[in-house]
Amino acid sequence: MVTMKAEAQGKVLIIRLTGELDHYYSEQVKEFVEQQIDMNQSQHLVWNLSGLPFMDSSGLGVILGRYRQVNEMGGSVTVCGLNTQVKRLFQLSGLFKIMYVDQTEQEALDRLGESSCKTL
């Protein structure tokens, strides 16, 4: 099971996932994030994965798909809060070459220059 929360800070959309992101939940997460990007007209996406102990390749597919979506709008994607297993999955996939990686959500927001907050 995965729990999804979204928070908009200016043009940045923060997605916080808790639980496991696998093929059972990937479509649900994809639809949720697409809806939030459209609703908030977000240019940048920050994935806070600190509450995610497990993710499989379908989860990577969801994140890569949203990368393409925000990249077309001139935005960027950041992942933060990665545990060892999830970090290794990103390393093996090569996604670190196209996405930013920060230790914390706050580091990502500081880099993107956003500070005000609206919880959704």
PDB file of N, CA and C in Angstrom:
ATOM      1  N   MET A   1       0.836  -1.186   0.000  1.00  0.00           N
ATOM      2  CA  MET A   1       0.000   0.000   0.000  1.00  0.00           C
ATOM      3  C   MET A   1       0.879   1.247   0.000  1.00  0.00           C
ATOM      4  N   VAL A   2       0.388   2.295  -0.636  1.00  0.00           N
ATOM      5  CA  VAL A   2       1.112   3.564  -0.667  1.00  0.00           C
ATOM      6  C   VAL A   2       0.142   4.693  -0.320  1.00  0.00           C
ATOM      7  N   THR A   3       0.627   5.626   0.478  1.00  0.00           N
ATOM      8  CA  THR A   3      -0.130   6.822   0.821  1.00  0.00           C
ATOM      9  C   THR A   3       0.514   7.992   0.104  1.00  0.00           C
ATOM     10  N   MET A   4      -0.325   8.855  -0.489  1.00  0.00           N
ATOM     11  CA  MET A   4       0.176   9.975  -1.282  1.00  0.00           C
ATOM     12  C   MET A   4      -0.309  11.291  -0.695  1.00  0.00           C
ATOM     13  N   LYS A   5       0.602  12.243  -0.584  1.00  0.00           N
ATOM     14  CA  LYS A   5       0.251  13.600  -0.165  1.00  0.00           C
ATOM     15  C   LYS A   5       0.943  14.565  -1.112  1.00  0.00           C
ATOM     16  N   ALA A   6       0.294  15.687  -1.355  1.00  0.00           N
ATOM     17  CA  ALA A   6       0.853  16.705  -2.243  1.00  0.00           C
ATOM     18  C   ALA A   6       0.825  18.056  -1.551  1.00  0.00           C
ATOM     19  N   GLU A   7       1.830  18.848  -1.837  1.00  0.00           N
ATOM     20  CA  GLU A   7       1.919  20.208  -1.299  1.00  0.00           C
ATOM     21  C   GLU A   7       2.529  21.102  -2.361  1.00  0.00           C
ATOM     22  N   ALA A   8       1.864  22.224  -2.642  1.00  0.00           N
ATOM     23  CA  ALA A   8       2.367  23.177  -3.629  1.00  0.00           C
ATOM     24  C   ALA A   8       3.082  24.314  -2.926  1.00  0.00           C
ATOM     25  N   GLN A   9       4.248  24.654  -3.440  1.00  0.00           N
ATOM     26  CA  GLN A   9       5.014  25.809  -2.960  1.00  0.00           C
ATOM     27  C   GLN A   9       5.448  26.587  -4.187  1.00  0.00           C
ATOM     28  N   GLY A  10       4.684  27.609  -4.525  1.00  0.00           N
ATOM     29  CA  GLY A  10       4.943  28.357  -5.751  1.00  0.00           C
ATOM     30  C   GLY A  10       4.772  27.447  -6.956  1.00  0.00           C
ATOM     31  N   LYS A  11       5.785  27.381  -7.781  1.00  0.00           N
ATOM     32  CA  LYS A  11       5.746  26.524  -8.974  1.00  0.00           C
ATOM     33  C   LYS A  11       6.276  25.118  -8.699  1.00  0.00           C
ATOM     34  N   VAL A  12       6.508  24.809  -7.421  1.00  0.00           N
ATOM     35  CA  VAL A  12       7.036  23.497  -7.041  1.00  0.00           C
ATOM     36  C   VAL A  12       5.918  22.660  -6.437  1.00  0.00           C
ATOM     37  N   LEU A  13       5.797  21.441  -6.918  1.00  0.00           N
ATOM     38  CA  LEU A  13       4.870  20.479  -6.337  1.00  0.00           C
ATOM     39  C   LEU A  13       5.687  19.423  -5.609  1.00  0.00           C
ATOM     40  N   ILE A  14       5.390  19.249  -4.327  1.00  0.00           N
ATOM     41  CA  ILE A  14       6.065  18.229  -3.526  1.00  0.00           C
ATOM     42  C   ILE A  14       5.124  17.043  -3.398  1.00  0.00           C
ATOM     43  N   ILE A  15       5.620  15.872  -3.743  1.00  0.00           N
ATOM     44  CA  ILE A  15       4.870  14.630  -3.585  1.00  0.00           C
ATOM     45  C   ILE A  15       5.549  13.818  -2.498  1.00  0.00           C
ATOM     46  N   ARG A  16       4.782  13.466  -1.469  1.00  0.00           N
ATOM     47  CA  ARG A  16       5.310  12.646  -0.373  1.00  0.00           C
ATOM     48  C   ARG A  16       4.623  11.285  -0.425  1.00  0.00           C
ATOM     49  N   LEU A  17       5.433  10.261  -0.579  1.00  0.00           N
ATOM     50  CA  LEU A  17       4.914   8.898  -0.636  1.00  0.00           C
ATOM     51  C   LEU A  17       5.331   8.141   0.615  1.00  0.00           C
ATOM     52  N   THR A  18       4.393   7.364   1.149  1.00  0.00           N
ATOM     53  CA  THR A  18       4.658   6.513   2.301  1.00  0.00           C
ATOM     54  C   THR A  18       4.157   5.117   1.966  1.00  0.00           C
ATOM     55  N   GLY A  19       4.944   4.115   2.264  1.00  0.00           N
ATOM     56  CA  GLY A  19       4.559   2.731   1.981  1.00  0.00           C
ATOM     57  C   GLY A  19       5.449   2.130   0.915  1.00  0.00           C
ATOM     58  N   GLU A  20       4.858   1.320   0.045  1.00  0.00           N
ATOM     59  CA  GLU A  20       5.615   0.659  -1.016  1.00  0.00           C
ATOM     60  C   GLU A  20       5.051   1.045  -2.373  1.00  0.00           C
ATOM     61  N   LEU A  21       5.933   1.455  -3.270  1.00  0.00           N
ATOM     62  CA  LEU A  21       5.526   1.809  -4.628  1.00  0.00           C
ATOM     63  C   LEU A  21       5.936   0.671  -5.552  1.00  0.00           C
ATOM     64  N   ASP A  22       4.943  -0.148  -5.893  1.00  0.00           N
ATOM     65  CA  ASP A  22       5.188  -1.283  -6.783  1.00  0.00           C
ATOM     66  C   ASP A  22       4.114  -1.298  -7.866  1.00  0.00           C
ATOM     67  N   HIS A  23       4.086  -2.365  -8.654  1.00  0.00           N
ATOM     68  CA  HIS A  23       3.166  -2.413  -9.791  1.00  0.00           C
ATOM     69  C   HIS A  23       1.700  -2.368  -9.378  1.00  0.00           C
ATOM     70  N   TYR A  24       1.388  -2.726  -8.152  1.00  0.00           N
ATOM     71  CA  TYR A  24       0.007  -2.676  -7.682  1.00  0.00           C
ATOM     72  C   TYR A  24      -0.494  -1.244  -7.527  1.00  0.00           C
ATOM     73  N   TYR A  25       0.383  -0.316  -7.210  1.00  0.00           N
ATOM     74  CA  TYR A  25      -0.013   1.057  -6.906  1.00  0.00           C
ATOM     75  C   TYR A  25       0.518   2.090  -7.889  1.00  0.00           C
ATOM     76  N   SER A  26       1.314   1.686  -8.846  1.00  0.00           N
ATOM     77  CA  SER A  26       1.963   2.660  -9.732  1.00  0.00           C
ATOM     78  C   SER A  26       0.957   3.471 -10.555  1.00  0.00           C
ATOM     79  N   GLU A  27      -0.083   2.858 -11.051  1.00  0.00           N
ATOM     80  CA  GLU A  27      -1.073   3.592 -11.850  1.00  0.00           C
ATOM     81  C   GLU A  27      -1.810   4.621 -10.992  1.00  0.00           C
ATOM     82  N   GLN A  28      -2.130   4.255  -9.771  1.00  0.00           N
ATOM     83  CA  GLN A  28      -2.798   5.160  -8.839  1.00  0.00           C
ATOM     84  C   GLN A  28      -1.911   6.381  -8.546  1.00  0.00           C
ATOM     85  N   VAL A  29      -0.639   6.153  -8.311  1.00  0.00           N
ATOM     86  CA  VAL A  29       0.302   7.251  -8.047  1.00  0.00           C
ATOM     87  C   VAL A  29       0.444   8.124  -9.290  1.00  0.00           C
ATOM     88  N   LYS A  30       0.568   7.509 -10.445  1.00  0.00           N
ATOM     89  CA  LYS A  30       0.698   8.244 -11.710  1.00  0.00           C
ATOM     90  C   LYS A  30      -0.476   9.197 -11.902  1.00  0.00           C
ATOM     91  N   GLU A  31      -1.695   8.695 -11.741  1.00  0.00           N
ATOM     92  CA  GLU A  31      -2.889   9.517 -11.935  1.00  0.00           C
ATOM     93  C   GLU A  31      -2.959  10.650 -10.914  1.00  0.00           C
ATOM     94  N   PHE A  32      -2.632  10.352  -9.663  1.00  0.00           N
ATOM     95  CA  PHE A  32      -2.650  11.362  -8.606  1.00  0.00           C
ATOM     96  C   PHE A  32      -1.678  12.497  -8.922  1.00  0.00           C
ATOM     97  N   VAL A  33      -0.458  12.151  -9.292  1.00  0.00           N
ATOM     98  CA  VAL A  33       0.565  13.170  -9.548  1.00  0.00           C
ATOM     99  C   VAL A  33       0.224  13.976 -10.798  1.00  0.00           C
ATOM    100  N   GLU A  34      -0.241  13.325 -11.853  1.00  0.00           N
ATOM    101  CA  GLU A  34      -0.639  14.050 -13.062  1.00  0.00           C
ATOM    102  C   GLU A  34      -1.723  15.068 -12.740  1.00  0.00           C
ATOM    103  N   GLN A  35      -2.704  14.651 -11.949  1.00  0.00           N
ATOM    104  CA  GLN A  35      -3.802  15.539 -11.552  1.00  0.00           C
ATOM    105  C   GLN A  35      -3.274  16.733 -10.753  1.00  0.00           C
ATOM    106  N   GLN A  36      -2.358  16.475  -9.832  1.00  0.00           N
ATOM    107  CA  GLN A  36      -1.805  17.551  -9.008  1.00  0.00           C
ATOM    108  C   GLN A  36      -0.970  18.526  -9.840  1.00  0.00           C
ATOM    109  N   ILE A  37      -0.195  18.015 -10.775  1.00  0.00           N
ATOM    110  CA  ILE A  37       0.605  18.886 -11.653  1.00  0.00           C
ATOM    111  C   ILE A  37      -0.318  19.803 -12.446  1.00  0.00           C
ATOM    112  N   ASP A  38      -1.366  19.233 -13.032  1.00  0.00           N
ATOM    113  CA  ASP A  38      -2.305  20.022 -13.831  1.00  0.00           C
ATOM    114  C   ASP A  38      -3.061  21.030 -12.971  1.00  0.00           C
ATOM    115  N   MET A  39      -3.543  20.600 -11.824  1.00  0.00           N
ATOM    116  CA  MET A  39      -4.340  21.449 -10.948  1.00  0.00           C
ATOM    117  C   MET A  39      -3.536  22.644 -10.424  1.00  0.00           C
ATOM    118  N   ASN A  40      -2.271  22.424 -10.126  1.00  0.00           N
ATOM    119  CA  ASN A  40      -1.435  23.469  -9.538  1.00  0.00           C
ATOM    120  C   ASN A  40      -0.552  24.183 -10.547  1.00  0.00           C
ATOM    121  N   GLN A  41      -0.620  23.766 -11.803  1.00  0.00           N
ATOM    122  CA  GLN A  41       0.231  24.319 -12.859  1.00  0.00           C
ATOM    123  C   GLN A  41       1.691  24.335 -12.414  1.00  0.00           C
ATOM    124  N   SER A  42       2.113  23.219 -11.851  1.00  0.00           N
ATOM    125  CA  SER A  42       3.462  23.095 -11.291  1.00  0.00           C
ATOM    126  C   SER A  42       4.496  22.928 -12.392  1.00  0.00           C
ATOM    127  N   GLN A  43       5.605  23.618 -12.223  1.00  0.00           N
ATOM    128  CA  GLN A  43       6.702  23.518 -13.183  1.00  0.00           C
ATOM    129  C   GLN A  43       7.766  22.543 -12.695  1.00  0.00           C
ATOM    130  N   HIS A  44       7.984  22.498 -11.384  1.00  0.00           N
ATOM    131  CA  HIS A  44       9.008  21.634 -10.808  1.00  0.00           C
ATOM    132  C   HIS A  44       8.348  20.605  -9.900  1.00  0.00           C
ATOM    133  N   LEU A  45       8.953  19.437  -9.832  1.00  0.00           N
ATOM    134  CA  LEU A  45       8.409  18.341  -9.039  1.00  0.00           C
ATOM    135  C   LEU A  45       9.477  17.822  -8.096  1.00  0.00           C
ATOM    136  N   VAL A  46       9.126  17.741  -6.814  1.00  0.00           N
ATOM    137  CA  VAL A  46      10.012  17.177  -5.802  1.00  0.00           C
ATOM    138  C   VAL A  46       9.337  15.932  -5.245  1.00  0.00           C
ATOM    139  N   TRP A  47      10.006  14.803  -5.378  1.00  0.00           N
ATOM    140  CA  TRP A  47       9.527  13.538  -4.821  1.00  0.00           C
ATOM    141  C   TRP A  47      10.223  13.315  -3.486  1.00  0.00           C
ATOM    142  N   ASN A  48       9.489  13.397  -2.388  1.00  0.00           N
ATOM    143  CA  ASN A  48      10.036  13.073  -1.075  1.00  0.00           C
ATOM    144  C   ASN A  48       9.733  11.600  -0.822  1.00  0.00           C
ATOM    145  N   LEU A  49      10.759  10.774  -0.893  1.00  0.00           N
ATOM    146  CA  LEU A  49      10.595   9.323  -0.771  1.00  0.00           C
ATOM    147  C   LEU A  49      11.103   8.799   0.570  1.00  0.00           C
ATOM    148  N   SER A  50      11.215   9.685   1.561  1.00  0.00           N
ATOM    149  CA  SER A  50      11.750   9.269   2.863  1.00  0.00           C
ATOM    150  C   SER A  50      10.856   8.250   3.567  1.00  0.00           C
ATOM    151  N   GLY A  51       9.576   8.196   3.227  1.00  0.00           N
ATOM    152  CA  GLY A  51       8.668   7.225   3.829  1.00  0.00           C
ATOM    153  C   GLY A  51       8.454   5.992   2.974  1.00  0.00           C
ATOM    154  N   LEU A  52       9.321   5.796   1.990  1.00  0.00           N
ATOM    155  CA  LEU A  52       9.167   4.710   1.019  1.00  0.00           C
ATOM    156  C   LEU A  52      10.285   3.689   1.195  1.00  0.00           C
ATOM    157  N   PRO A  53      10.024   2.591   1.912  1.00  0.00           N
ATOM    158  CA  PRO A  53      11.071   1.594   2.115  1.00  0.00           C
ATOM    159  C   PRO A  53      11.331   0.715   0.891  1.00  0.00           C
ATOM    160  N   PHE A  54      10.356   0.651  -0.036  1.00  0.00           N
ATOM    161  CA  PHE A  54      10.504  -0.234  -1.191  1.00  0.00           C
ATOM    162  C   PHE A  54       9.887   0.404  -2.425  1.00  0.00           C
ATOM    163  N   MET A  55      10.574   0.236  -3.558  1.00  0.00           N
ATOM    164  CA  MET A  55      10.057   0.649  -4.852  1.00  0.00           C
ATOM    165  C   MET A  55      10.607  -0.308  -5.895  1.00  0.00           C
ATOM    166  N   ASP A  56       9.764  -0.700  -6.859  1.00  0.00           N
ATOM    167  CA  ASP A  56      10.252  -1.560  -7.936  1.00  0.00           C
ATOM    168  C   ASP A  56      10.332  -0.758  -9.239  1.00  0.00           C
ATOM    169  N   SER A  57      10.592  -1.443 -10.333  1.00  0.00           N
ATOM    170  CA  SER A  57      10.807  -0.761 -11.611  1.00  0.00           C
ATOM    171  C   SER A  57       9.562  -0.026 -12.102  1.00  0.00           C
ATOM    172  N   SER A  58       8.378  -0.475 -11.726  1.00  0.00           N
ATOM    173  CA  SER A  58       7.173   0.249 -12.137  1.00  0.00           C
ATOM    174  C   SER A  58       7.110   1.612 -11.453  1.00  0.00           C
ATOM    175  N   GLY A  59       7.624   1.702 -10.237  1.00  0.00           N
ATOM    176  CA  GLY A  59       7.721   2.989  -9.552  1.00  0.00           C
ATOM    177  C   GLY A  59       8.671   3.928 -10.271  1.00  0.00           C
ATOM    178  N   LEU A  60       9.788   3.379 -10.739  1.00  0.00           N
ATOM    179  CA  LEU A  60      10.719   4.184 -11.544  1.00  0.00           C
ATOM    180  C   LEU A  60      10.031   4.695 -12.804  1.00  0.00           C
ATOM    181  N   GLY A  61       9.204   3.850 -13.397  1.00  0.00           N
ATOM    182  CA  GLY A  61       8.469   4.250 -14.594  1.00  0.00           C
ATOM    183  C   GLY A  61       7.535   5.418 -14.330  1.00  0.00           C
ATOM    184  N   VAL A  62       6.889   5.412 -13.179  1.00  0.00           N
ATOM    185  CA  VAL A  62       6.002   6.519 -12.804  1.00  0.00           C
ATOM    186  C   VAL A  62       6.809   7.810 -12.682  1.00  0.00           C
ATOM    187  N   ILE A  63       7.927   7.739 -11.998  1.00  0.00           N
ATOM    188  CA  ILE A  63       8.758   8.926 -11.792  1.00  0.00           C
ATOM    189  C   ILE A  63       9.343   9.418 -13.113  1.00  0.00           C
ATOM    190  N   LEU A  64       9.797   8.506 -13.962  1.00  0.00           N
ATOM    191  CA  LEU A  64      10.329   8.885 -15.270  1.00  0.00           C
ATOM    192  C   LEU A  64       9.251   9.540 -16.133  1.00  0.00           C
ATOM    193  N   GLY A  65       8.047   9.010 -16.101  1.00  0.00           N
ATOM    194  CA  GLY A  65       6.945   9.594 -16.870  1.00  0.00           C
ATOM    195  C   GLY A  65       6.624  11.011 -16.434  1.00  0.00           C
ATOM    196  N   ARG A  66       6.652  11.273 -15.131  1.00  0.00           N
ATOM    197  CA  ARG A  66       6.389  12.626 -14.630  1.00  0.00           C
ATOM    198  C   ARG A  66       7.581  13.534 -14.938  1.00  0.00           C
ATOM    199  N   TYR A  67       8.779  12.972 -14.995  1.00  0.00           N
ATOM    200  CA  TYR A  67       9.948  13.754 -15.435  1.00  0.00           C
ATOM    201  C   TYR A  67       9.689  14.291 -16.843  1.00  0.00           C
ATOM    202  N   ARG A  68       9.244  13.425 -17.721  1.00  0.00           N
ATOM    203  CA  ARG A  68       8.974  13.847 -19.102  1.00  0.00           C
ATOM    204  C   ARG A  68       7.907  14.932 -19.137  1.00  0.00           C
ATOM    205  N   GLN A  69       6.885  14.767 -18.295  1.00  0.00           N
ATOM    206  CA  GLN A  69       5.786  15.728 -18.249  1.00  0.00           C
ATOM    207  C   GLN A  69       6.274  17.121 -17.834  1.00  0.00           C
ATOM    208  N   VAL A  70       7.040  17.223 -16.757  1.00  0.00           N
ATOM    209  CA  VAL A  70       7.498  18.545 -16.302  1.00  0.00           C
ATOM    210  C   VAL A  70       8.663  19.060 -17.154  1.00  0.00           C
ATOM    211  N   ASN A  71       9.446  18.173 -17.715  1.00  0.00           N
ATOM    212  CA  ASN A  71      10.550  18.583 -18.583  1.00  0.00           C
ATOM    213  C   ASN A  71      10.018  19.293 -19.829  1.00  0.00           C
ATOM    214  N   GLU A  72       8.893  18.834 -20.354  1.00  0.00           N
ATOM    215  CA  GLU A  72       8.276  19.476 -21.515  1.00  0.00           C
ATOM    216  C   GLU A  72       7.839  20.902 -21.204  1.00  0.00           C
ATOM    217  N   MET A  73       7.596  21.202 -19.921  1.00  0.00           N
ATOM    218  CA  MET A  73       7.198  22.547 -19.492  1.00  0.00           C
ATOM    219  C   MET A  73       8.400  23.371 -19.050  1.00  0.00           C
ATOM    220  N   GLY A  74       9.604  22.839 -19.257  1.00  0.00           N
ATOM    221  CA  GLY A  74      10.814  23.549 -18.867  1.00  0.00           C
ATOM    222  C   GLY A  74      11.152  23.413 -17.397  1.00  0.00           C
ATOM    223  N   GLY A  75      10.554  22.442 -16.736  1.00  0.00           N
ATOM    224  CA  GLY A  75      10.775  22.244 -15.309  1.00  0.00           C
ATOM    225  C   GLY A  75      11.802  21.174 -15.012  1.00  0.00           C
ATOM    226  N   SER A  76      11.916  20.867 -13.722  1.00  0.00           N
ATOM    227  CA  SER A  76      12.889  19.873 -13.276  1.00  0.00           C
ATOM    228  C   SER A  76      12.253  18.936 -12.261  1.00  0.00           C
ATOM    229  N   VAL A  77      12.911  17.808 -12.050  1.00  0.00           N
ATOM    230  CA  VAL A  77      12.469  16.824 -11.062  1.00  0.00           C
ATOM    231  C   VAL A  77      13.606  16.595 -10.077  1.00  0.00           C
ATOM    232  N   THR A  78      13.237  16.551  -8.805  1.00  0.00           N
ATOM    233  CA  THR A  78      14.177  16.264  -7.730  1.00  0.00           C
ATOM    234  C   THR A  78      13.633  15.103  -6.921  1.00  0.00           C
ATOM    235  N   VAL A  79      14.515  14.207  -6.505  1.00  0.00           N
ATOM    236  CA  VAL A  79      14.145  13.166  -5.547  1.00  0.00           C
ATOM    237  C   VAL A  79      14.939  13.417  -4.275  1.00  0.00           C
ATOM    238  N   CYS A  80      14.317  13.147  -3.146  1.00  0.00           N
ATOM    239  CA  CYS A  80      15.009  13.336  -1.869  1.00  0.00           C
ATOM    240  C   CYS A  80      14.531  12.287  -0.872  1.00  0.00           C
ATOM    241  N   GLY A  81      15.311  12.123   0.180  1.00  0.00           N
ATOM    242  CA  GLY A  81      14.955  11.191   1.242  1.00  0.00           C
ATOM    243  C   GLY A  81      15.071   9.732   0.846  1.00  0.00           C
ATOM    244  N   LEU A  82      16.023   9.405   0.001  1.00  0.00           N
ATOM    245  CA  LEU A  82      16.150   8.036  -0.501  1.00  0.00           C
ATOM    246  C   LEU A  82      16.845   7.128   0.505  1.00  0.00           C
ATOM    247  N   ASN A  83      16.260   5.955   0.737  1.00  0.00           N
ATOM    248  CA  ASN A  83      16.964   4.955   1.547  1.00  0.00           C
ATOM    249  C   ASN A  83      17.945   4.206   0.643  1.00  0.00           C
ATOM    250  N   THR A  84      18.721   3.325   1.214  1.00  0.00           N
ATOM    251  CA  THR A  84      19.773   2.631   0.469  1.00  0.00           C
ATOM    252  C   THR A  84      19.226   1.830  -0.706  1.00  0.00           C
ATOM    253  N   GLN A  85      18.135   1.081  -0.502  1.00  0.00           N
ATOM    254  CA  GLN A  85      17.573   0.237  -1.556  1.00  0.00           C
ATOM    255  C   GLN A  85      17.040   1.070  -2.712  1.00  0.00           C
ATOM    256  N   VAL A  86      16.278   2.106  -2.390  1.00  0.00           N
ATOM    257  CA  VAL A  86      15.690   2.945  -3.434  1.00  0.00           C
ATOM    258  C   VAL A  86      16.786   3.732  -4.160  1.00  0.00           C
ATOM    259  N   LYS A  87      17.765   4.208  -3.418  1.00  0.00           N
ATOM    260  CA  LYS A  87      18.886   4.929  -4.032  1.00  0.00           C
ATOM    261  C   LYS A  87      19.624   4.034  -5.025  1.00  0.00           C
ATOM    262  N   ARG A  88      19.834   2.783  -4.659  1.00  0.00           N
ATOM    263  CA  ARG A  88      20.515   1.828  -5.539  1.00  0.00           C
ATOM    264  C   ARG A  88      19.718   1.608  -6.827  1.00  0.00           C
ATOM    265  N   LEU A  89      18.407   1.522  -6.707  1.00  0.00           N
ATOM    266  CA  LEU A  89      17.540   1.364  -7.870  1.00  0.00           C
ATOM    267  C   LEU A  89      17.695   2.557  -8.820  1.00  0.00           C
ATOM    268  N   PHE A  90      17.732   3.756  -8.276  1.00  0.00           N
ATOM    269  CA  PHE A  90      17.943   4.953  -9.091  1.00  0.00           C
ATOM    270  C   PHE A  90      19.319   4.933  -9.752  1.00  0.00           C
ATOM    271  N   GLN A  91      20.341   4.519  -9.003  1.00  0.00           N
ATOM    272  CA  GLN A  91      21.692   4.462  -9.566  1.00  0.00           C
ATOM    273  C   GLN A  91      21.763   3.484 -10.730  1.00  0.00           C
ATOM    274  N   LEU A  92      21.200   2.304 -10.554  1.00  0.00           N
ATOM    275  CA  LEU A  92      21.235   1.286 -11.603  1.00  0.00           C
ATOM    276  C   LEU A  92      20.461   1.714 -12.847  1.00  0.00           C
ATOM    277  N   SER A  93      19.397   2.474 -12.652  1.00  0.00           N
ATOM    278  CA  SER A  93      18.561   2.898 -13.777  1.00  0.00           C
ATOM    279  C   SER A  93      19.161   4.066 -14.558  1.00  0.00           C
ATOM    280  N   GLY A  94      20.087   4.789 -13.939  1.00  0.00           N
ATOM    281  CA  GLY A  94      20.667   5.956 -14.592  1.00  0.00           C
ATOM    282  C   GLY A  94      19.840   7.224 -14.451  1.00  0.00           C
ATOM    283  N   LEU A  95      18.763   7.187 -13.665  1.00  0.00           N
ATOM    284  CA  LEU A  95      17.906   8.364 -13.529  1.00  0.00           C
ATOM    285  C   LEU A  95      18.590   9.528 -12.824  1.00  0.00           C
ATOM    286  N   PHE A  96      19.629   9.252 -12.049  1.00  0.00           N
ATOM    287  CA  PHE A  96      20.360  10.334 -11.391  1.00  0.00           C
ATOM    288  C   PHE A  96      21.008  11.270 -12.405  1.00  0.00           C
ATOM    289  N   LYS A  97      21.168  10.806 -13.635  1.00  0.00           N
ATOM    290  CA  LYS A  97      21.787  11.637 -14.671  1.00  0.00           C
ATOM    291  C   LYS A  97      20.844  12.730 -15.174  1.00  0.00           C
ATOM    292  N   ILE A  98      19.546  12.548 -14.982  1.00  0.00           N
ATOM    293  CA  ILE A  98      18.583  13.522 -15.500  1.00  0.00           C
ATOM    294  C   ILE A  98      17.786  14.222 -14.406  1.00  0.00           C
ATOM    295  N   MET A  99      17.914  13.785 -13.163  1.00  0.00           N
ATOM    296  CA  MET A  99      17.166  14.366 -12.053  1.00  0.00           C
ATOM    297  C   MET A  99      18.113  14.863 -10.981  1.00  0.00           C
ATOM    298  N   TYR A 100      17.644  15.844 -10.233  1.00  0.00           N
ATOM    299  CA  TYR A 100      18.405  16.314  -9.080  1.00  0.00           C
ATOM    300  C   TYR A 100      18.177  15.364  -7.913  1.00  0.00           C
ATOM    301  N   VAL A 101      19.175  15.247  -7.054  1.00  0.00           N
ATOM    302  CA  VAL A 101      19.070  14.438  -5.842  1.00  0.00           C
ATOM    303  C   VAL A 101      19.480  15.318  -4.671  1.00  0.00           C
ATOM    304  N   ASP A 102      18.591  15.455  -3.702  1.00  0.00           N
ATOM    305  CA  ASP A 102      18.888  16.205  -2.488  1.00  0.00           C
ATOM    306  C   ASP A 102      18.630  15.305  -1.292  1.00  0.00           C
ATOM    307  N   GLN A 103      19.304  15.600  -0.200  1.00  0.00           N
ATOM    308  CA  GLN A 103      19.110  14.809   1.019  1.00  0.00           C
ATOM    309  C   GLN A 103      17.721  15.038   1.599  1.00  0.00           C
ATOM    310  N   THR A 104      17.287  16.305   1.605  1.00  0.00           N
ATOM    311  CA  THR A 104      16.012  16.648   2.236  1.00  0.00           C
ATOM    312  C   THR A 104      15.147  17.479   1.295  1.00  0.00           C
ATOM    313  N   GLU A 105      13.889  17.526   1.645  1.00  0.00           N
ATOM    314  CA  GLU A 105      12.930  18.347   0.921  1.00  0.00           C
ATOM    315  C   GLU A 105      13.328  19.823   0.988  1.00  0.00           C
ATOM    316  N   GLN A 106      13.766  20.262   2.158  1.00  0.00           N
ATOM    317  CA  GLN A 106      14.145  21.663   2.328  1.00  0.00           C
ATOM    318  C   GLN A 106      15.320  22.041   1.424  1.00  0.00           C
ATOM    319  N   GLU A 107      16.287  21.146   1.276  1.00  0.00           N
ATOM    320  CA  GLU A 107      17.408  21.410   0.364  1.00  0.00           C
ATOM    321  C   GLU A 107      16.906  21.605  -1.063  1.00  0.00           C
ATOM    322  N   ALA A 108      15.956  20.788  -1.464  1.00  0.00           N
ATOM    323  CA  ALA A 108      15.393  20.912  -2.810  1.00  0.00           C
ATOM    324  C   ALA A 108      14.684  22.252  -2.975  1.00  0.00           C
ATOM    325  N   LEU A 109      13.890  22.635  -1.985  1.00  0.00           N
ATOM    326  CA  LEU A 109      13.167  23.901  -2.057  1.00  0.00           C
ATOM    327  C   LEU A 109      14.119  25.091  -2.054  1.00  0.00           C
ATOM    328  N   ASP A 110      15.161  25.010  -1.245  1.00  0.00           N
ATOM    329  CA  ASP A 110      16.156  26.083  -1.220  1.00  0.00           C
ATOM    330  C   ASP A 110      16.820  26.232  -2.586  1.00  0.00           C
ATOM    331  N   ARG A 111      17.163  25.109  -3.209  1.00  0.00           N
ATOM    332  CA  ARG A 111      17.807  25.150  -4.523  1.00  0.00           C
ATOM    333  C   ARG A 111      16.866  25.736  -5.575  1.00  0.00           C
ATOM    334  N   LEU A 112      15.570  25.427  -5.435  1.00  0.00           N
ATOM    335  CA  LEU A 112      14.584  25.918  -6.396  1.00  0.00           C
ATOM    336  C   LEU A 112      14.080  27.319  -6.057  1.00  0.00           C
ATOM    337  N   GLY A 113      14.460  27.836  -4.890  1.00  0.00           N
ATOM    338  CA  GLY A 113      14.089  29.193  -4.508  1.00  0.00           C
ATOM    339  C   GLY A 113      12.655  29.366  -4.067  1.00  0.00           C
ATOM    340  N   GLU A 114      12.053  28.331  -3.489  1.00  0.00           N
ATOM    341  CA  GLU A 114      10.660  28.405  -3.031  1.00  0.00           C
ATOM    342  C   GLU A 114      10.597  28.313  -1.517  1.00  0.00           C
ATOM    343  N   SER A 115       9.662  29.088  -0.919  1.00  0.00           N
ATOM    344  CA  SER A 115       9.531  29.020   0.536  1.00  0.00           C
ATOM    345  C   SER A 115       8.093  29.022   1.029  1.00  0.00           C
ATOM    346  N   SER A 116       7.154  29.638   0.310  1.00  0.00           N
ATOM    347  CA  SER A 116       5.769  29.647   0.782  1.00  0.00           C
ATOM    348  C   SER A 116       5.120  28.301   0.518  1.00  0.00           C
ATOM    349  N   CYS A 117       4.066  27.987   1.268  1.00  0.00           N
ATOM    350  CA  CYS A 117       3.541  26.629   1.267  1.00  0.00           C
ATOM    351  C   CYS A 117       2.021  26.605   1.217  1.00  0.00           C
ATOM    352  N   LYS A 118       1.456  25.659   0.452  1.00  0.00           N
ATOM    353  CA  LYS A 118       0.019  25.436   0.402  1.00  0.00           C
ATOM    354  C   LYS A 118      -0.201  23.927   0.395  1.00  0.00           C
ATOM    355  N   THR A 119      -0.699  23.369   1.493  1.00  0.00           N
ATOM    356  CA  THR A 119      -0.931  21.930   1.567  1.00  0.00           C
ATOM    357  C   THR A 119      -2.210  21.583   0.829  1.00  0.00           C
ATOM    358  N   LEU A 120      -2.169  20.491   0.059  1.00  0.00           N
ATOM    359  CA  LEU A 120      -3.330  20.062  -0.722  1.00  0.00           C
ATOM    360  C   LEU A 120      -3.947  18.820  -0.142  1.00  0.00           C
TER     361      LEU A 120
END
